[in-house]
Amino acid sequence: MNIYEVTKGTKLEKKVDIFCKAEENGAGIYAALAFLTKERGLDEVSDDLMKIAEDEIRHAGIYAVLNGHSNSNIFETLKRMSLVESNAVEKLQQFAKELLEFGLKEASEEVYKIALDEGRHGDILKNIVEKHCLNIEK
C-alpha cells in the first residue's frame, strides 16, 4: 500500500498538516521531559517518555508522507541530509563555546554532545547512500 501524497491537494491536507505539527511538537516535549527525568534519576520514567517521543515522531513522519512533505527520492534526500548533518558540527561546536563563555558549562557540554551526534548522523547517512547507490547501479 502506498500512502505517499494521498491527502495532498485534498480537503484533508490542512488537517493532516495540523496533526503533523502536533506530533512533532509532542515528540519534542516528550523528549525534553525524558531528558529532565533522566537528570533526576527517574530512568524508567525517562525511558517510557522517550518511547512515546519516538512514537510521536513516527506519527509525524506518516502525516508528512500523506501530504508528500518528504521527497520520494530517498537516497537523494539522504545524500543532502548527510551534508546538512555534517555541516552542523562546526556551528554547534561554536555554539557550545558561546554557551561556555556565557558560564553555562553543563549546557555547553550537552550541545557539544549534540554536535558529535550530528557528525555521526552525517557519516551514517553517507555510508547508507554509498552502500545502496552502488547496489542500485549494479
Protein backbone atom coordinates (compact mmCIF):
# COMPACT_ATOMS: atom_id res chain seq x y z
CA MET A 1 0.00 0.00 0.00
CA ASN A 2 1.36 3.39 -0.98
CA ILE A 3 0.29 6.37 1.14
CA TYR A 4 2.65 8.93 -0.39
CA GLU A 5 0.79 12.17 -1.22
CA VAL A 6 -2.68 10.60 -0.86
CA THR A 7 -4.00 13.63 1.05
CA LYS A 8 -2.02 16.27 -0.84
CA GLY A 9 -4.33 18.70 -2.60
CA THR A 10 -7.43 17.36 -0.87
CA LYS A 11 -9.67 18.96 1.72
CA LEU A 12 -7.82 16.80 4.29
CA GLU A 13 -4.39 18.31 3.60
CA LYS A 14 -4.65 21.12 6.16
CA LYS A 15 -5.91 18.77 8.85
CA VAL A 16 -3.03 16.36 8.18
CA ASP A 17 -0.56 19.28 8.43
CA ILE A 18 -2.05 20.23 11.82
CA PHE A 19 -1.72 16.64 13.03
CA CYS A 20 1.87 16.51 11.75
CA LYS A 21 2.89 19.67 13.62
CA ALA A 22 1.14 18.48 16.78
CA GLU A 23 3.04 15.18 16.67
CA GLU A 24 6.36 16.97 16.02
CA ASN A 25 5.72 19.28 18.97
CA GLY A 26 4.68 16.36 21.15
CA ALA A 27 7.86 14.48 20.28
CA GLY A 28 9.95 17.46 21.34
CA ILE A 29 8.06 17.87 24.59
CA TYR A 30 8.29 14.17 25.49
CA ALA A 31 11.99 14.07 24.61
CA ALA A 32 12.60 17.13 26.80
CA LEU A 33 10.71 15.55 29.68
CA ALA A 34 12.68 12.34 29.17
CA PHE A 35 15.91 14.33 29.47
CA LEU A 36 14.71 16.08 32.62
CA THR A 37 13.51 12.88 34.29
CA LYS A 38 16.82 11.20 33.42
CA GLU A 39 18.66 14.07 35.13
CA ARG A 40 16.56 13.45 38.23
CA GLY A 41 17.39 9.75 38.30
CA LEU A 42 13.98 8.62 37.10
CA ASP A 43 15.40 6.29 34.45
CA GLU A 44 12.28 4.16 33.99
CA VAL A 45 10.10 7.24 33.51
CA SER A 46 12.69 8.68 31.13
CA ASP A 47 12.71 5.50 29.05
CA ASP A 48 8.91 5.46 28.84
CA LEU A 49 8.79 9.12 27.81
CA MET A 50 11.46 8.58 25.15
CA LYS A 51 9.46 5.68 23.72
CA ILE A 52 6.44 7.97 23.50
CA ALA A 53 8.61 10.63 21.79
CA GLU A 54 9.74 8.01 19.26
CA ASP A 55 6.11 7.07 18.56
CA GLU A 56 5.13 10.70 18.15
CA ILE A 57 7.90 11.39 15.64
CA ARG A 58 6.94 8.25 13.72
CA HIS A 59 3.37 9.55 13.62
CA ALA A 60 4.61 12.90 12.30
CA GLY A 61 6.54 11.05 9.61
CA ILE A 62 3.42 9.25 8.48
CA TYR A 63 1.48 12.51 8.26
CA ALA A 64 4.37 14.05 6.31
CA VAL A 65 4.20 11.16 3.84
CA LEU A 66 0.41 11.51 3.47
CA ASN A 67 0.85 15.12 2.34
CA GLY A 68 4.02 14.46 0.36
CA HIS A 69 6.28 16.59 2.56
CA SER A 70 9.08 14.10 2.15
CA ASN A 71 11.00 13.55 -1.02
CA SER A 72 10.17 10.17 -2.54
CA ASN A 73 13.75 10.01 -3.89
CA ILE A 74 15.07 8.51 -0.67
CA PHE A 75 18.78 8.38 -1.46
CA GLU A 76 18.89 11.88 -2.94
CA THR A 77 17.29 13.15 0.27
CA LEU A 78 19.70 11.15 2.44
CA LYS A 79 22.68 12.46 0.47
CA ARG A 80 21.51 16.04 1.03
CA MET A 81 20.77 15.37 4.70
CA SER A 82 24.21 13.83 5.26
CA LEU A 83 25.72 17.18 4.25
CA VAL A 84 23.32 19.12 6.48
CA GLU A 85 24.17 16.91 9.46
CA SER A 86 27.92 17.06 8.83
CA ASN A 87 27.87 20.83 8.30
CA ALA A 88 26.07 21.34 11.60
CA VAL A 89 29.03 20.04 13.63
CA GLU A 90 31.21 23.14 13.45
CA LYS A 91 28.28 25.50 14.03
CA LEU A 92 27.13 23.58 17.08
CA GLN A 93 30.63 23.35 18.49
CA GLN A 94 30.89 27.12 18.13
CA PHE A 95 27.56 27.50 19.90
CA ALA A 96 28.81 25.19 22.67
CA LYS A 97 31.81 27.53 23.09
CA GLU A 98 29.48 30.52 23.31
CA LEU A 99 27.45 28.79 25.99
CA LEU A 100 30.64 28.05 27.91
CA GLU A 101 31.78 31.68 27.62
CA PHE A 102 28.38 32.65 28.99
CA GLY A 103 29.09 30.47 32.03
CA LEU A 104 26.73 27.65 31.06
CA LYS A 105 29.12 24.70 31.33
CA GLU A 106 26.51 21.91 31.51
CA ALA A 107 24.51 23.34 28.60
CA SER A 108 27.74 23.66 26.64
CA GLU A 109 28.57 20.01 27.28
CA GLU A 110 25.14 18.88 26.09
CA VAL A 111 25.32 20.95 22.90
CA TYR A 112 28.82 19.59 22.25
CA LYS A 113 27.36 16.06 22.52
CA ILE A 114 24.70 17.08 20.02
CA ALA A 115 27.43 18.26 17.64
CA LEU A 116 29.10 14.87 17.88
CA ASP A 117 25.76 13.15 17.22
CA GLU A 118 25.21 15.29 14.13
CA GLY A 119 28.61 14.33 12.77
CA ARG A 120 27.87 10.67 13.42
CA HIS A 121 24.49 11.04 11.70
CA GLY A 122 26.20 12.56 8.66
CA ASP A 123 28.63 9.63 8.50
CA ILE A 124 25.85 7.06 8.84
CA LEU A 125 23.79 8.70 6.09
CA LYS A 126 26.80 8.99 3.79
CA ASN A 127 27.55 5.29 4.28
CA ILE A 128 23.93 4.34 3.58
CA VAL A 129 23.92 6.34 0.35
CA GLU A 130 27.26 4.93 -0.80
CA LYS A 131 26.22 1.36 0.00
CA HIS A 132 22.80 1.47 -1.58
CA CYS A 133 23.56 3.69 -4.56
CA LEU A 134 26.31 1.25 -5.58
CA ASN A 135 23.81 -1.60 -5.24
CA ILE A 136 21.25 0.27 -7.33
CA GLU A 137 23.70 0.88 -10.16
CA LYS A 138 24.59 -2.81 -10.48
